[in-house]
Amino acid sequence: INAEYGGAREQDESELDSYQKKYRLAQLPGLLEFFGFVYCYLGFYTGPVVEFREYDELCDGSMFAVRAGSKSTRRAGQLPSGRLYATLQPLLVAFGSIGFGMWIESNYNRAYVTDPAQFGVRPLHERAFIMWCFSVSLRMTYYFAWKLAEGACNLSGLGYSGDDADGNAQFERCTNAHVWQVESAMNVKTVTDGWNLGTDRWLK
């Protein structure tokens, strides 16, 4: 698709949005680059988490170029600092999520909620609470995979998304879910803004 938007095939630039212009490819990648992107271990659990252009910029180091006006003291092409913290944080969330999900499922699993003899005889408010717990346990498996991939991407530097106003490296490129935002949401819009962000960015 990115090659369709770029110079590999004719495409009127006026028909492209800013996202398509940013990630379009001027030419088709070689087989080595293509399969390296497809089978990159950073996206093993969740599939490719970035566009090909971002993967290519990681490989040649241009992703870490210090932007004009940035207060960062990092040398051009040097991996950004702060990757260890940016790795441990999502990993803790990942293992905490899967542990919490397994604990819930040990009490309220699929067999239990589909058993009329056990689940069906409970009062309505208890059944509603149990179904809510069951839905939470299902989401925990997604958080585990997404946060595990996010941690791996941050450690490699692929999650680097630029520097803040003080020159500190930010790691938000491969974030695919904001767990607290989703779980504490008061409306559907808040949920969709914090869930499956990679697909959401691509669809927009």
C-alpha atoms as a PDB file:
ATOM      1  CA  ILE A   1       0.000   0.000   0.000  1.00  0.00           C
ATOM      2  CA  ASN A   2       2.825   2.417   0.824  1.00  0.00           C
ATOM      3  CA  ALA A   3       4.401   1.674  -2.553  1.00  0.00           C
ATOM      4  CA  GLU A   4       1.044   2.472  -4.168  1.00  0.00           C
ATOM      5  CA  TYR A   5       1.158   5.918  -2.532  1.00  0.00           C
ATOM      6  CA  GLY A   6       4.804   6.547  -3.428  1.00  0.00           C
ATOM      7  CA  GLY A   7       6.840   6.702  -6.579  1.00  0.00           C
ATOM      8  CA  ALA A   8       6.754   2.969  -7.209  1.00  0.00           C
ATOM      9  CA  ARG A   9       3.452   3.581  -8.942  1.00  0.00           C
ATOM     10  CA  GLU A  10       1.885   6.748 -10.262  1.00  0.00           C
ATOM     11  CA  GLN A  11      -0.256   8.497  -7.658  1.00  0.00           C
ATOM     12  CA  ASP A  12      -1.555  12.072  -7.544  1.00  0.00           C
ATOM     13  CA  GLU A  13      -0.018  13.646  -4.429  1.00  0.00           C
ATOM     14  CA  SER A  14      -3.076  15.827  -3.886  1.00  0.00           C
ATOM     15  CA  GLU A  15      -5.100  12.682  -3.210  1.00  0.00           C
ATOM     16  CA  LEU A  16      -2.882  11.630  -0.290  1.00  0.00           C
ATOM     17  CA  ASP A  17      -3.326  12.624   3.338  1.00  0.00           C
ATOM     18  CA  SER A  18      -0.416  13.543   5.632  1.00  0.00           C
ATOM     19  CA  TYR A  19      -0.037   9.956   6.934  1.00  0.00           C
ATOM     20  CA  GLN A  20       0.176   8.519   3.414  1.00  0.00           C
ATOM     21  CA  LYS A  21       2.705  11.157   2.345  1.00  0.00           C
ATOM     22  CA  LYS A  22       4.871  10.479   5.402  1.00  0.00           C
ATOM     23  CA  TYR A  23       5.112   6.705   4.938  1.00  0.00           C
ATOM     24  CA  ARG A  24       4.911   6.246   1.182  1.00  0.00           C
ATOM     25  CA  LEU A  25       7.784   4.447  -0.554  1.00  0.00           C
ATOM     26  CA  ALA A  26       9.557   5.864  -3.578  1.00  0.00           C
ATOM     27  CA  GLN A  27      10.505   2.350  -4.692  1.00  0.00           C
ATOM     28  CA  LEU A  28       9.760  -1.219  -3.746  1.00  0.00           C
ATOM     29  CA  PRO A  29      12.107  -2.695  -1.110  1.00  0.00           C
ATOM     30  CA  GLY A  30      14.308  -5.667  -1.914  1.00  0.00           C
ATOM     31  CA  LEU A  31      13.399  -9.169  -0.789  1.00  0.00           C
ATOM     32  CA  LEU A  32      15.871  -9.070   2.120  1.00  0.00           C
ATOM     33  CA  GLU A  33      14.431  -5.818   3.465  1.00  0.00           C
ATOM     34  CA  PHE A  34      10.862  -6.995   2.929  1.00  0.00           C
ATOM     35  CA  PHE A  35      11.249 -10.328   4.731  1.00  0.00           C
ATOM     36  CA  GLY A  36      13.330  -8.665   7.436  1.00  0.00           C
ATOM     37  CA  PHE A  37      10.385  -6.377   8.097  1.00  0.00           C
ATOM     38  CA  VAL A  38       7.743  -9.104   7.948  1.00  0.00           C
ATOM     39  CA  TYR A  39       9.626 -11.508  10.231  1.00  0.00           C
ATOM     40  CA  CYS A  40      11.119  -8.894  12.561  1.00  0.00           C
ATOM     41  CA  TYR A  41      11.079 -10.438  16.058  1.00  0.00           C
ATOM     42  CA  LEU A  42       9.874  -7.144  17.555  1.00  0.00           C
ATOM     43  CA  GLY A  43       6.446  -7.761  16.085  1.00  0.00           C
ATOM     44  CA  PHE A  44       6.396 -11.533  16.506  1.00  0.00           C
ATOM     45  CA  TYR A  45       3.361 -11.583  18.807  1.00  0.00           C
ATOM     46  CA  THR A  46       1.363  -8.796  17.218  1.00  0.00           C
ATOM     47  CA  GLY A  47       2.504  -8.597  13.609  1.00  0.00           C
ATOM     48  CA  PRO A  48       4.306  -5.543  12.160  1.00  0.00           C
ATOM     49  CA  VAL A  49       3.800  -2.746  14.690  1.00  0.00           C
ATOM     50  CA  VAL A  50       5.256   0.033  12.520  1.00  0.00           C
ATOM     51  CA  GLU A  51       5.318   1.047   8.884  1.00  0.00           C
ATOM     52  CA  PHE A  52       8.104  -0.190   6.611  1.00  0.00           C
ATOM     53  CA  ARG A  53       9.660   3.274   6.400  1.00  0.00           C
ATOM     54  CA  GLU A  54      10.039   3.359  10.196  1.00  0.00           C
ATOM     55  CA  TYR A  55      11.668  -0.084  10.190  1.00  0.00           C
ATOM     56  CA  ASP A  56      14.029   1.059   7.449  1.00  0.00           C
ATOM     57  CA  GLU A  57      14.948   4.188   9.433  1.00  0.00           C
ATOM     58  CA  LEU A  58      15.741   1.979  12.427  1.00  0.00           C
ATOM     59  CA  CYS A  59      18.078  -0.165  10.327  1.00  0.00           C
ATOM     60  CA  ASP A  60      20.050   2.743   8.873  1.00  0.00           C
ATOM     61  CA  GLY A  61      19.994   4.790  12.105  1.00  0.00           C
ATOM     62  CA  SER A  62      18.287   7.834  10.605  1.00  0.00           C
ATOM     63  CA  MET A  63      15.446   7.434  13.107  1.00  0.00           C
ATOM     64  CA  PHE A  64      17.751   8.703  15.846  1.00  0.00           C
ATOM     65  CA  ALA A  65      18.888  11.875  14.085  1.00  0.00           C
ATOM     66  CA  VAL A  66      18.740  14.872  16.431  1.00  0.00           C
ATOM     67  CA  ARG A  67      16.088  17.242  15.132  1.00  0.00           C
ATOM     68  CA  ALA A  68      16.816  20.925  14.699  1.00  0.00           C
ATOM     69  CA  GLY A  69      15.998  22.890  17.845  1.00  0.00           C
ATOM     70  CA  SER A  70      16.116  19.852  20.111  1.00  0.00           C
ATOM     71  CA  LYS A  71      17.858  20.213  23.482  1.00  0.00           C
ATOM     72  CA  SER A  72      19.070  16.628  23.334  1.00  0.00           C
ATOM     73  CA  THR A  73      22.818  16.122  23.830  1.00  0.00           C
ATOM     74  CA  ARG A  74      22.730  12.827  21.934  1.00  0.00           C
ATOM     75  CA  ARG A  75      25.105  12.448  19.008  1.00  0.00           C
ATOM     76  CA  ALA A  76      23.625  11.942  15.553  1.00  0.00           C
ATOM     77  CA  GLY A  77      22.665   8.303  15.070  1.00  0.00           C
ATOM     78  CA  GLN A  78      23.251   7.408  18.739  1.00  0.00           C
ATOM     79  CA  LEU A  79      20.589   5.280  20.431  1.00  0.00           C
ATOM     80  CA  PRO A  80      18.492   7.392  22.819  1.00  0.00           C
ATOM     81  CA  SER A  81      18.903   7.004  26.572  1.00  0.00           C
ATOM     82  CA  GLY A  82      16.046   5.949  28.823  1.00  0.00           C
ATOM     83  CA  ARG A  83      15.378   2.730  26.928  1.00  0.00           C
ATOM     84  CA  LEU A  84      15.733   0.536  30.023  1.00  0.00           C
ATOM     85  CA  TYR A  85      12.962   2.308  31.925  1.00  0.00           C
ATOM     86  CA  ALA A  86      10.846   2.502  28.779  1.00  0.00           C
ATOM     87  CA  THR A  87      11.283  -1.281  28.469  1.00  0.00           C
ATOM     88  CA  LEU A  88      10.651  -2.314  32.066  1.00  0.00           C
ATOM     89  CA  GLN A  89       7.468  -0.298  32.440  1.00  0.00           C
ATOM     90  CA  PRO A  90       5.456  -2.050  29.678  1.00  0.00           C
ATOM     91  CA  LEU A  91       6.949  -5.431  30.638  1.00  0.00           C
ATOM     92  CA  LEU A  92       5.686  -5.030  34.198  1.00  0.00           C
ATOM     93  CA  VAL A  93       2.271  -4.109  32.848  1.00  0.00           C
ATOM     94  CA  ALA A  94       2.378  -7.125  30.517  1.00  0.00           C
ATOM     95  CA  PHE A  95       3.134  -9.685  33.217  1.00  0.00           C
ATOM     96  CA  GLY A  96       0.838  -7.984  35.702  1.00  0.00           C
ATOM     97  CA  SER A  97      -1.985  -8.109  33.167  1.00  0.00           C
ATOM     98  CA  ILE A  98      -1.582 -11.774  32.316  1.00  0.00           C
ATOM     99  CA  GLY A  99      -1.281 -12.691  35.997  1.00  0.00           C
ATOM    100  CA  PHE A 100      -4.413 -10.751  36.885  1.00  0.00           C
ATOM    101  CA  GLY A 101      -6.273 -12.235  33.919  1.00  0.00           C
ATOM    102  CA  MET A 102      -5.322 -15.782  34.906  1.00  0.00           C
ATOM    103  CA  TRP A 103      -6.435 -15.130  38.481  1.00  0.00           C
ATOM    104  CA  ILE A 104      -9.848 -13.936  37.301  1.00  0.00           C
ATOM    105  CA  GLU A 105     -10.198 -16.851  34.886  1.00  0.00           C
ATOM    106  CA  SER A 106      -9.427 -19.330  37.657  1.00  0.00           C
ATOM    107  CA  ASN A 107     -12.659 -18.175  39.298  1.00  0.00           C
ATOM    108  CA  TYR A 108     -14.857 -17.102  36.381  1.00  0.00           C
ATOM    109  CA  ASN A 109     -13.878 -18.924  33.201  1.00  0.00           C
ATOM    110  CA  ARG A 110     -15.815 -19.689  30.044  1.00  0.00           C
ATOM    111  CA  ALA A 111     -17.057 -23.033  31.351  1.00  0.00           C
ATOM    112  CA  TYR A 112     -18.461 -21.342  34.452  1.00  0.00           C
ATOM    113  CA  VAL A 113     -20.334 -18.513  32.702  1.00  0.00           C
ATOM    114  CA  THR A 114     -21.916 -20.948  30.217  1.00  0.00           C
ATOM    115  CA  ASP A 115     -23.064 -23.397  32.901  1.00  0.00           C
ATOM    116  CA  PRO A 116     -26.748 -22.768  33.743  1.00  0.00           C
ATOM    117  CA  ALA A 117     -26.488 -24.888  36.888  1.00  0.00           C
ATOM    118  CA  GLN A 118     -23.861 -22.579  38.423  1.00  0.00           C
ATOM    119  CA  PHE A 119     -24.039 -19.233  36.677  1.00  0.00           C
ATOM    120  CA  GLY A 120     -27.721 -19.216  35.769  1.00  0.00           C
ATOM    121  CA  VAL A 121     -28.979 -19.486  39.342  1.00  0.00           C
ATOM    122  CA  ARG A 122     -27.118 -16.406  40.589  1.00  0.00           C
ATOM    123  CA  PRO A 123     -28.951 -13.072  41.039  1.00  0.00           C
ATOM    124  CA  LEU A 124     -28.871 -10.621  38.131  1.00  0.00           C
ATOM    125  CA  HIS A 125     -26.428  -8.181  39.756  1.00  0.00           C
ATOM    126  CA  GLU A 126     -23.971 -11.004  40.505  1.00  0.00           C
ATOM    127  CA  ARG A 127     -24.175 -12.295  36.940  1.00  0.00           C
ATOM    128  CA  ALA A 128     -23.521  -8.783  35.618  1.00  0.00           C
ATOM    129  CA  PHE A 129     -20.447  -8.434  37.841  1.00  0.00           C
ATOM    130  CA  ILE A 130     -19.122 -11.870  36.854  1.00  0.00           C
ATOM    131  CA  MET A 131     -19.573 -11.123  33.148  1.00  0.00           C
ATOM    132  CA  TRP A 132     -17.679  -7.859  33.635  1.00  0.00           C
ATOM    133  CA  CYS A 133     -14.837  -9.748  35.335  1.00  0.00           C
ATOM    134  CA  PHE A 134     -14.846 -12.318  32.538  1.00  0.00           C
ATOM    135  CA  SER A 135     -14.575  -9.583  29.882  1.00  0.00           C
ATOM    136  CA  VAL A 136     -11.667  -8.013  31.775  1.00  0.00           C
ATOM    137  CA  SER A 137      -9.804 -11.343  31.790  1.00  0.00           C
ATOM    138  CA  LEU A 138     -10.161 -11.543  28.003  1.00  0.00           C
ATOM    139  CA  ARG A 139      -8.688  -8.077  27.519  1.00  0.00           C
ATOM    140  CA  MET A 140      -5.720  -8.941  29.716  1.00  0.00           C
ATOM    141  CA  THR A 141      -4.385 -11.347  27.069  1.00  0.00           C
ATOM    142  CA  TYR A 142      -4.305  -8.489  24.537  1.00  0.00           C
ATOM    143  CA  TYR A 143      -2.513  -6.205  26.977  1.00  0.00           C
ATOM    144  CA  PHE A 144       0.061  -8.938  27.574  1.00  0.00           C
ATOM    145  CA  ALA A 145       0.907  -9.327  23.880  1.00  0.00           C
ATOM    146  CA  TRP A 146       0.855  -5.614  23.105  1.00  0.00           C
ATOM    147  CA  LYS A 147       2.929  -4.534  26.099  1.00  0.00           C
ATOM    148  CA  LEU A 148       5.426  -7.344  25.553  1.00  0.00           C
ATOM    149  CA  ALA A 149       5.948  -6.165  21.976  1.00  0.00           C
ATOM    150  CA  GLU A 150       6.129  -2.536  23.143  1.00  0.00           C
ATOM    151  CA  GLY A 151       8.880  -3.375  25.623  1.00  0.00           C
ATOM    152  CA  ALA A 152      10.922  -5.194  22.972  1.00  0.00           C
ATOM    153  CA  CYS A 153      10.523  -2.287  20.542  1.00  0.00           C
ATOM    154  CA  ASN A 154      11.585   0.260  23.163  1.00  0.00           C
ATOM    155  CA  LEU A 155      14.665  -1.757  24.068  1.00  0.00           C
ATOM    156  CA  SER A 156      15.778  -1.911  20.437  1.00  0.00           C
ATOM    157  CA  GLY A 157      15.076   1.795  19.917  1.00  0.00           C
ATOM    158  CA  LEU A 158      12.207   1.231  17.480  1.00  0.00           C
ATOM    159  CA  GLY A 159       9.752   2.686  19.990  1.00  0.00           C
ATOM    160  CA  TYR A 160      11.584   6.032  19.997  1.00  0.00           C
ATOM    161  CA  SER A 161       9.168   8.765  18.900  1.00  0.00           C
ATOM    162  CA  GLY A 162      11.245  11.928  19.315  1.00  0.00           C
ATOM    163  CA  ASP A 163      12.341  14.222  22.123  1.00  0.00           C
ATOM    164  CA  ASP A 164      10.205  16.361  24.392  1.00  0.00           C
ATOM    165  CA  ALA A 165      10.761  20.092  25.001  1.00  0.00           C
ATOM    166  CA  ASP A 166      13.550  19.335  27.487  1.00  0.00           C
ATOM    167  CA  GLY A 167      15.408  17.018  25.117  1.00  0.00           C
ATOM    168  CA  ASN A 168      14.342  13.796  26.860  1.00  0.00           C
ATOM    169  CA  ALA A 169      13.674  10.799  24.615  1.00  0.00           C
ATOM    170  CA  GLN A 170      10.056   9.694  24.293  1.00  0.00           C
ATOM    171  CA  PHE A 171       8.989   6.122  23.507  1.00  0.00           C
ATOM    172  CA  GLU A 172       5.441   6.104  22.173  1.00  0.00           C
ATOM    173  CA  ARG A 173       5.785   4.857  18.600  1.00  0.00           C
ATOM    174  CA  CYS A 174       4.907   1.227  19.406  1.00  0.00           C
ATOM    175  CA  THR A 175       2.361   1.825  22.168  1.00  0.00           C
ATOM    176  CA  ASN A 176      -0.726  -0.136  21.164  1.00  0.00           C
ATOM    177  CA  ALA A 177      -2.937   0.357  24.220  1.00  0.00           C
ATOM    178  CA  HIS A 178      -3.370   2.696  27.177  1.00  0.00           C
ATOM    179  CA  VAL A 179      -4.542   0.195  29.787  1.00  0.00           C
ATOM    180  CA  TRP A 180      -5.814   2.579  32.458  1.00  0.00           C
ATOM    181  CA  GLN A 181      -7.587   4.749  29.879  1.00  0.00           C
ATOM    182  CA  VAL A 182      -9.470   1.739  28.504  1.00  0.00           C
ATOM    183  CA  GLU A 183     -10.333   0.192  31.863  1.00  0.00           C
ATOM    184  CA  SER A 184     -11.506   3.457  33.450  1.00  0.00           C
ATOM    185  CA  ALA A 185     -13.292   4.840  30.386  1.00  0.00           C
ATOM    186  CA  MET A 186     -16.684   6.464  30.839  1.00  0.00           C
ATOM    187  CA  ASN A 187     -17.661   6.290  27.157  1.00  0.00           C
ATOM    188  CA  VAL A 188     -16.937   4.348  23.976  1.00  0.00           C
ATOM    189  CA  LYS A 189     -14.882   7.188  22.429  1.00  0.00           C
ATOM    190  CA  THR A 190     -12.368   7.020  25.284  1.00  0.00           C
ATOM    191  CA  VAL A 191     -12.089   3.248  24.862  1.00  0.00           C
ATOM    192  CA  THR A 192     -11.455   3.406  21.122  1.00  0.00           C
ATOM    193  CA  ASP A 193      -8.874   6.178  21.609  1.00  0.00           C
ATOM    194  CA  GLY A 194      -6.856   3.903  23.891  1.00  0.00           C
ATOM    195  CA  TRP A 195      -7.346   0.482  22.271  1.00  0.00           C
ATOM    196  CA  ASN A 196      -5.404  -1.076  19.370  1.00  0.00           C
ATOM    197  CA  LEU A 197      -3.716   2.208  18.507  1.00  0.00           C
ATOM    198  CA  GLY A 198      -1.653   0.792  15.643  1.00  0.00           C
ATOM    199  CA  THR A 199      -4.732  -0.235  13.689  1.00  0.00           C
ATOM    200  CA  ASP A 200      -6.484   2.977  14.681  1.00  0.00           C
ATOM    201  CA  ARG A 201      -3.665   5.109  13.238  1.00  0.00           C
ATOM    202  CA  TRP A 202      -3.639   3.067  10.032  1.00  0.00           C
ATOM    203  CA  LEU A 203      -7.420   3.300   9.556  1.00  0.00           C
ATOM    204  CA  LYS A 204      -7.449   7.047  10.102  1.00  0.00           C
END
